[in-house]
PDB file of N, CA and C in Angstrom:
ATOM      1  N   MET A   1      -9.981   4.648   4.334  1.00  0.00           N
ATOM      2  CA  MET A   1      -8.289   4.782   4.940  1.00  0.00           C
ATOM      3  C   MET A   1      -8.085   6.439   4.969  1.00  0.00           C
ATOM      4  N   LYS A   2      -7.260   6.955   5.575  1.00  0.00           N
ATOM      5  CA  LYS A   2      -7.547   8.832   6.082  1.00  0.00           C
ATOM      6  C   LYS A   2      -5.927   9.123   6.159  1.00  0.00           C
ATOM      7  N   HIS A   3      -5.398   8.476   7.218  1.00  0.00           N
ATOM      8  CA  HIS A   3      -3.856   8.146   7.997  1.00  0.00           C
ATOM      9  C   HIS A   3      -2.946   8.318   6.359  1.00  0.00           C
ATOM     10  N   ILE A   4      -1.642   8.726   6.547  1.00  0.00           N
ATOM     11  CA  ILE A   4      -0.377   8.584   5.514  1.00  0.00           C
ATOM     12  C   ILE A   4      -0.148   7.671   6.368  1.00  0.00           C
ATOM     13  N   LEU A   5       0.465   6.436   5.678  1.00  0.00           N
ATOM     14  CA  LEU A   5       0.732   4.767   5.885  1.00  0.00           C
ATOM     15  C   LEU A   5       2.898   4.912   5.581  1.00  0.00           C
ATOM     16  N   LYS A   6       3.350   4.076   6.455  1.00  0.00           N
ATOM     17  CA  LYS A   6       4.639   4.670   5.934  1.00  0.00           C
ATOM     18  C   LYS A   6       6.064   3.693   6.697  1.00  0.00           C
ATOM     19  N   GLU A   7       6.536   3.057   6.499  1.00  0.00           N
ATOM     20  CA  GLU A   7       7.521   1.879   7.348  1.00  0.00           C
ATOM     21  C   GLU A   7       7.587   2.580   8.823  1.00  0.00           C
ATOM     22  N   GLY A   8       8.008   1.224   9.596  1.00  0.00           N
ATOM     23  CA  GLY A   8       8.141   1.915  11.060  1.00  0.00           C
ATOM     24  C   GLY A   8       5.812   1.958  11.647  1.00  0.00           C
ATOM     25  N   ASP A   9       5.668   1.941  10.501  1.00  0.00           N
ATOM     26  CA  ASP A   9       3.307   2.670  10.991  1.00  0.00           C
ATOM     27  C   ASP A   9       2.742   0.850  11.177  1.00  0.00           C
ATOM     28  N   THR A  10       2.617   0.444  12.392  1.00  0.00           N
ATOM     29  CA  THR A  10       1.665  -0.544  12.656  1.00  0.00           C
ATOM     30  C   THR A  10      -0.507  -0.781  12.694  1.00  0.00           C
ATOM     31  N   GLY A  11      -0.562  -1.726  12.484  1.00  0.00           N
ATOM     32  CA  GLY A  11      -2.071  -2.164  12.655  1.00  0.00           C
ATOM     33  C   GLY A  11      -2.707  -2.164  11.338  1.00  0.00           C
ATOM     34  N   ARG A  12      -4.012  -2.072  12.427  1.00  0.00           N
ATOM     35  CA  ARG A  12      -5.055  -2.752  10.770  1.00  0.00           C
ATOM     36  C   ARG A  12      -5.175  -1.793   9.922  1.00  0.00           C
ATOM     37  N   GLN A  13      -4.833  -0.742   9.620  1.00  0.00           N
ATOM     38  CA  GLN A  13      -4.770  -0.216   8.045  1.00  0.00           C
ATOM     39  C   GLN A  13      -3.691  -0.794   7.830  1.00  0.00           C
ATOM     40  N   VAL A  14      -2.169  -0.929   8.217  1.00  0.00           N
ATOM     41  CA  VAL A  14      -1.447  -1.298   7.526  1.00  0.00           C
ATOM     42  C   VAL A  14      -1.698  -3.132   6.916  1.00  0.00           C
ATOM     43  N   LYS A  15      -2.714  -3.586   8.297  1.00  0.00           N
ATOM     44  CA  LYS A  15      -2.717  -4.877   8.220  1.00  0.00           C
ATOM     45  C   LYS A  15      -3.493  -5.370   6.806  1.00  0.00           C
ATOM     46  N   ASP A  16      -4.418  -4.156   6.582  1.00  0.00           N
ATOM     47  CA  ASP A  16      -5.348  -3.877   4.759  1.00  0.00           C
ATOM     48  C   ASP A  16      -5.005  -3.338   4.024  1.00  0.00           C
ATOM     49  N   ILE A  17      -4.060  -2.649   4.051  1.00  0.00           N
ATOM     50  CA  ILE A  17      -2.782  -2.388   3.288  1.00  0.00           C
ATOM     51  C   ILE A  17      -1.899  -3.847   2.537  1.00  0.00           C
ATOM     52  N   GLN A  18      -1.800  -4.646   3.378  1.00  0.00           N
ATOM     53  CA  GLN A  18      -1.291  -5.327   3.184  1.00  0.00           C
ATOM     54  C   GLN A  18      -1.821  -5.999   2.032  1.00  0.00           C
ATOM     55  N   HIS A  19      -2.763  -6.451   3.169  1.00  0.00           N
ATOM     56  CA  HIS A  19      -3.664  -8.008   2.081  1.00  0.00           C
ATOM     57  C   HIS A  19      -4.005  -7.212   1.071  1.00  0.00           C
ATOM     58  N   TRP A  20      -4.458  -6.103   0.640  1.00  0.00           N
ATOM     59  CA  TRP A  20      -4.878  -5.494  -0.474  1.00  0.00           C
ATOM     60  C   TRP A  20      -3.656  -5.496  -1.419  1.00  0.00           C
ATOM     61  N   LEU A  21      -2.122  -5.496  -1.529  1.00  0.00           N
ATOM     62  CA  LEU A  21      -1.259  -4.988  -2.535  1.00  0.00           C
ATOM     63  C   LEU A  21      -1.400  -6.614  -2.869  1.00  0.00           C
ATOM     64  N   ASN A  22      -1.489  -7.335  -1.551  1.00  0.00           N
ATOM     65  CA  ASN A  22      -0.508  -8.976  -1.684  1.00  0.00           C
ATOM     66  C   ASN A  22      -1.933  -9.140  -3.123  1.00  0.00           C
ATOM     67  N   ALA A  23      -2.997  -8.972  -2.287  1.00  0.00           N
ATOM     68  CA  ALA A  23      -4.181  -9.961  -3.381  1.00  0.00           C
ATOM     69  C   ALA A  23      -4.266  -9.326  -4.912  1.00  0.00           C
ATOM     70  N   HIS A  24      -3.382  -7.923  -4.911  1.00  0.00           N
ATOM     71  CA  HIS A  24      -3.695  -7.438  -6.463  1.00  0.00           C
ATOM     72  C   HIS A  24      -2.472  -7.527  -6.650  1.00  0.00           C
ATOM     73  N   GLY A  25      -1.222  -8.617  -6.689  1.00  0.00           N
ATOM     74  CA  GLY A  25      -0.165  -9.093  -7.520  1.00  0.00           C
ATOM     75  C   GLY A  25       1.495  -8.049  -6.637  1.00  0.00           C
ATOM     76  N   TYR A  26       1.392  -7.510  -6.399  1.00  0.00           N
ATOM     77  CA  TYR A  26       2.089  -6.505  -5.316  1.00  0.00           C
ATOM     78  C   TYR A  26       2.903  -7.178  -4.268  1.00  0.00           C
ATOM     79  N   LYS A  27       4.382  -7.666  -3.597  1.00  0.00           N
ATOM     80  CA  LYS A  27       4.430  -8.710  -2.670  1.00  0.00           C
ATOM     81  C   LYS A  27       4.278  -8.296  -1.517  1.00  0.00           C
ATOM     82  N   ALA A  28       3.892  -7.740  -0.402  1.00  0.00           N
ATOM     83  CA  ALA A  28       3.831  -7.050   0.289  1.00  0.00           C
ATOM     84  C   ALA A  28       3.960  -7.722   1.788  1.00  0.00           C
ATOM     85  N   GLY A  29       4.640  -9.362   1.179  1.00  0.00           N
ATOM     86  CA  GLY A  29       5.018 -10.786   2.787  1.00  0.00           C
ATOM     87  C   GLY A  29       3.625 -10.629   3.151  1.00  0.00           C
ATOM     88  N   GLU A  30       4.630 -10.984   4.408  1.00  0.00           N
ATOM     89  CA  GLU A  30       2.930 -11.573   5.431  1.00  0.00           C
ATOM     90  C   GLU A  30       2.209 -10.396   6.180  1.00  0.00           C
ATOM     91  N   GLU A  31       1.267 -10.350   6.207  1.00  0.00           N
ATOM     92  CA  GLU A  31      -0.173 -10.098   6.536  1.00  0.00           C
ATOM     93  C   GLU A  31       0.152  -9.309   8.009  1.00  0.00           C
ATOM     94  N   ASP A  32       0.976  -9.242   8.145  1.00  0.00           N
ATOM     95  CA  ASP A  32       1.205  -8.888   9.964  1.00  0.00           C
ATOM     96  C   ASP A  32       0.438  -7.456  10.637  1.00  0.00           C
ATOM     97  N   GLY A  33       0.604  -6.372   9.992  1.00  0.00           N
ATOM     98  CA  GLY A  33       0.236  -5.153  10.506  1.00  0.00           C
ATOM     99  C   GLY A  33       0.940  -4.461  11.148  1.00  0.00           C
ATOM    100  N   ILE A  34       2.576  -4.660  10.485  1.00  0.00           N
ATOM    101  CA  ILE A  34       3.895  -4.106  10.386  1.00  0.00           C
ATOM    102  C   ILE A  34       4.429  -4.067   9.179  1.00  0.00           C
ATOM    103  N   PHE A  35       4.256  -2.110   8.460  1.00  0.00           N
ATOM    104  CA  PHE A  35       4.383  -1.282   7.882  1.00  0.00           C
ATOM    105  C   PHE A  35       6.144  -2.159   7.458  1.00  0.00           C
ATOM    106  N   GLY A  36       6.879  -2.495   7.083  1.00  0.00           N
ATOM    107  CA  GLY A  36       8.154  -3.070   7.616  1.00  0.00           C
ATOM    108  C   GLY A  36       8.714  -2.796   5.292  1.00  0.00           C
ATOM    109  N   GLU A  37       9.771  -3.301   5.650  1.00  0.00           N
ATOM    110  CA  GLU A  37      10.915  -3.499   3.791  1.00  0.00           C
ATOM    111  C   GLU A  37       9.781  -3.645   2.720  1.00  0.00           C
ATOM    112  N   LYS A  38       9.138  -5.003   3.431  1.00  0.00           N
ATOM    113  CA  LYS A  38       8.620  -5.593   1.913  1.00  0.00           C
ATOM    114  C   LYS A  38       6.879  -4.544   2.051  1.00  0.00           C
ATOM    115  N   THR A  39       6.875  -4.486   3.030  1.00  0.00           N
ATOM    116  CA  THR A  39       5.226  -3.563   2.658  1.00  0.00           C
ATOM    117  C   THR A  39       6.029  -2.079   1.523  1.00  0.00           C
ATOM    118  N   ARG A  40       7.173  -1.513   2.387  1.00  0.00           N
ATOM    119  CA  ARG A  40       7.491  -0.218   1.404  1.00  0.00           C
ATOM    120  C   ARG A  40       7.933  -0.687   0.245  1.00  0.00           C
ATOM    121  N   ASP A  41       8.646  -2.112   0.092  1.00  0.00           N
ATOM    122  CA  ASP A  41       8.636  -2.605  -1.468  1.00  0.00           C
ATOM    123  C   ASP A  41       7.679  -2.149  -2.640  1.00  0.00           C
ATOM    124  N   ALA A  42       6.538  -3.042  -1.885  1.00  0.00           N
ATOM    125  CA  ALA A  42       5.032  -3.696  -2.716  1.00  0.00           C
ATOM    126  C   ALA A  42       4.054  -2.174  -2.995  1.00  0.00           C
ATOM    127  N   VAL A  43       4.716  -0.812  -1.715  1.00  0.00           N
ATOM    128  CA  VAL A  43       4.380  -0.211  -2.834  1.00  0.00           C
ATOM    129  C   VAL A  43       4.704   1.229  -3.416  1.00  0.00           C
ATOM    130  N   ILE A  44       6.207   0.979  -3.381  1.00  0.00           N
ATOM    131  CA  ILE A  44       7.042   1.371  -3.682  1.00  0.00           C
ATOM    132  C   ILE A  44       6.602   1.172  -5.867  1.00  0.00           C
ATOM    133  N   GLN A  45       6.741  -0.122  -5.973  1.00  0.00           N
ATOM    134  CA  GLN A  45       6.133  -1.641  -6.696  1.00  0.00           C
ATOM    135  C   GLN A  45       4.794  -1.118  -7.785  1.00  0.00           C
ATOM    136  N   PHE A  46       3.819  -0.939  -6.423  1.00  0.00           N
ATOM    137  CA  PHE A  46       2.353  -0.148  -7.230  1.00  0.00           C
ATOM    138  C   PHE A  46       2.749   0.910  -7.722  1.00  0.00           C
ATOM    139  N   GLN A  47       3.407   2.405  -6.620  1.00  0.00           N
ATOM    140  CA  GLN A  47       3.441   3.359  -7.890  1.00  0.00           C
ATOM    141  C   GLN A  47       3.667   3.702  -8.671  1.00  0.00           C
ATOM    142  N   SER A  48       4.827   2.663  -8.870  1.00  0.00           N
ATOM    143  CA  SER A  48       5.481   2.979 -10.623  1.00  0.00           C
ATOM    144  C   SER A  48       5.078   2.610 -11.330  1.00  0.00           C
ATOM    145  N   ALA A  49       3.951   1.563 -11.182  1.00  0.00           N
ATOM    146  CA  ALA A  49       3.681   0.992 -12.157  1.00  0.00           C
ATOM    147  C   ALA A  49       1.969   2.041 -12.374  1.00  0.00           C
ATOM    148  N   LYS A  50       1.781   3.105 -11.730  1.00  0.00           N
ATOM    149  CA  LYS A  50       0.452   3.341 -11.797  1.00  0.00           C
ATOM    150  C   LYS A  50       1.109   4.599 -12.200  1.00  0.00           C
ATOM    151  N   LYS A  51       2.051   4.851 -11.722  1.00  0.00           N
ATOM    152  CA  LYS A  51       2.544   5.920 -12.871  1.00  0.00           C
ATOM    153  C   LYS A  51       2.839   7.328 -12.028  1.00  0.00           C
ATOM    154  N   ILE A  52       2.366   7.251 -10.766  1.00  0.00           N
ATOM    155  CA  ILE A  52       2.482   8.093  -8.870  1.00  0.00           C
ATOM    156  C   ILE A  52       3.773   8.288  -8.748  1.00  0.00           C
ATOM    157  N   VAL A  53       4.071   9.525  -7.813  1.00  0.00           N
ATOM    158  CA  VAL A  53       4.981   9.249  -7.258  1.00  0.00           C
ATOM    159  C   VAL A  53       4.970   8.054  -6.353  1.00  0.00           C
ATOM    160  N   THR A  54       6.654   7.804  -6.593  1.00  0.00           N
ATOM    161  CA  THR A  54       6.682   6.510  -6.070  1.00  0.00           C
ATOM    162  C   THR A  54       7.901   6.982  -4.454  1.00  0.00           C
ATOM    163  N   ASP A  55       7.643   7.200  -3.815  1.00  0.00           N
ATOM    164  CA  ASP A  55       7.987   6.915  -2.176  1.00  0.00           C
ATOM    165  C   ASP A  55       7.469   6.242  -1.209  1.00  0.00           C
ATOM    166  N   GLY A  56       6.918   5.138  -1.827  1.00  0.00           N
ATOM    167  CA  GLY A  56       6.263   3.736  -0.376  1.00  0.00           C
ATOM    168  C   GLY A  56       5.918   4.569   0.731  1.00  0.00           C
ATOM    169  N   ILE A  57       5.041   5.745   0.914  1.00  0.00           N
ATOM    170  CA  ILE A  57       4.794   5.844   1.832  1.00  0.00           C
ATOM    171  C   ILE A  57       2.641   5.561   1.445  1.00  0.00           C
ATOM    172  N   ILE A  58       2.307   5.807   2.277  1.00  0.00           N
ATOM    173  CA  ILE A  58       0.197   5.459   1.339  1.00  0.00           C
ATOM    174  C   ILE A  58      -0.133   6.804   1.930  1.00  0.00           C
ATOM    175  N   GLY A  59       0.369   7.437   1.296  1.00  0.00           N
ATOM    176  CA  GLY A  59      -0.527   9.133   0.881  1.00  0.00           C
ATOM    177  C   GLY A  59      -1.838   9.586   0.568  1.00  0.00           C
ATOM    178  N   SER A  60      -2.288  11.009   0.049  1.00  0.00           N
ATOM    179  CA  SER A  60      -3.059  11.419  -0.331  1.00  0.00           C
ATOM    180  C   SER A  60      -3.164  10.408  -1.797  1.00  0.00           C
ATOM    181  N   GLN A  61      -2.341  10.659  -3.071  1.00  0.00           N
ATOM    182  CA  GLN A  61      -1.979  10.638  -4.042  1.00  0.00           C
ATOM    183  C   GLN A  61      -2.929   8.782  -4.706  1.00  0.00           C
ATOM    184  N   THR A  62      -2.001   7.996  -3.367  1.00  0.00           N
ATOM    185  CA  THR A  62      -1.790   6.571  -3.159  1.00  0.00           C
ATOM    186  C   THR A  62      -2.999   6.099  -2.839  1.00  0.00           C
ATOM    187  N   GLN A  63      -3.393   6.667  -1.821  1.00  0.00           N
ATOM    188  CA  GLN A  63      -4.790   6.470  -1.537  1.00  0.00           C
ATOM    189  C   GLN A  63      -6.354   6.298  -2.097  1.00  0.00           C
ATOM    190  N   ILE A  64      -6.556   7.622  -3.575  1.00  0.00           N
ATOM    191  CA  ILE A  64      -6.952   7.835  -4.507  1.00  0.00           C
ATOM    192  C   ILE A  64      -6.666   6.945  -5.629  1.00  0.00           C
ATOM    193  N   THR A  65      -6.285   6.189  -5.587  1.00  0.00           N
ATOM    194  CA  THR A  65      -5.353   5.330  -6.945  1.00  0.00           C
ATOM    195  C   THR A  65      -6.272   3.557  -6.682  1.00  0.00           C
ATOM    196  N   ILE A  66      -5.399   4.321  -5.174  1.00  0.00           N
ATOM    197  CA  ILE A  66      -6.768   2.540  -4.488  1.00  0.00           C
ATOM    198  C   ILE A  66      -8.247   2.401  -4.288  1.00  0.00           C
ATOM    199  N   GLU A  67      -8.543   3.981  -4.543  1.00  0.00           N
ATOM    200  CA  GLU A  67      -9.208   3.971  -4.156  1.00  0.00           C
ATOM    201  C   GLU A  67     -10.680   4.023  -5.196  1.00  0.00           C
ATOM    202  N   ARG A  68     -10.149   4.304  -6.927  1.00  0.00           N
ATOM    203  CA  ARG A  68     -10.212   4.627  -8.188  1.00  0.00           C
ATOM    204  C   ARG A  68     -10.123   2.595  -8.144  1.00  0.00           C
ATOM    205  N   ILE A  69      -9.099   2.213  -8.071  1.00  0.00           N
ATOM    206  CA  ILE A  69      -9.337   0.996  -8.389  1.00  0.00           C
ATOM    207  C   ILE A  69      -9.805   0.073  -7.858  1.00  0.00           C
ATOM    208  N   GLU A  70     -10.464  -0.364  -6.851  1.00  0.00           N
ATOM    209  CA  GLU A  70     -11.601  -0.514  -5.899  1.00  0.00           C
ATOM    210  C   GLU A  70     -12.513   0.119  -6.537  1.00  0.00           C
ATOM    211  N   LYS A  71     -12.846   0.786  -7.087  1.00  0.00           N
ATOM    212  CA  LYS A  71     -14.198   1.011  -7.557  1.00  0.00           C
ATOM    213  C   LYS A  71     -14.975   0.596  -8.635  1.00  0.00           C
ATOM    214  N   GLU A  72     -13.556   0.635  -9.606  1.00  0.00           N
ATOM    215  CA  GLU A  72     -13.729  -0.231 -10.911  1.00  0.00           C
ATOM    216  C   GLU A  72     -13.235  -1.718 -10.423  1.00  0.00           C
ATOM    217  N   GLU A  73     -13.028  -2.158  -9.560  1.00  0.00           N
ATOM    218  CA  GLU A  73     -13.409  -4.012  -9.286  1.00  0.00           C
ATOM    219  C   GLU A  73     -14.887  -4.454  -8.940  1.00  0.00           C
TER     220      GLU A  73
END
């Protein structure tokens, strides 16, 4: 994932992040590829748990954190 994802975005990358969040216990809601309120809230919960900026946006810092977790799995 190389793009910033935020509320209002749609597409395969959004669906992938929804799946990832749901699989890791963050309730992103339906995996429909629409970055809505539930997805934003799940991103904020994840960011808060990992002690990174809690803006609800999948930016570089959040992407790096997700990638680090994936490498550890």
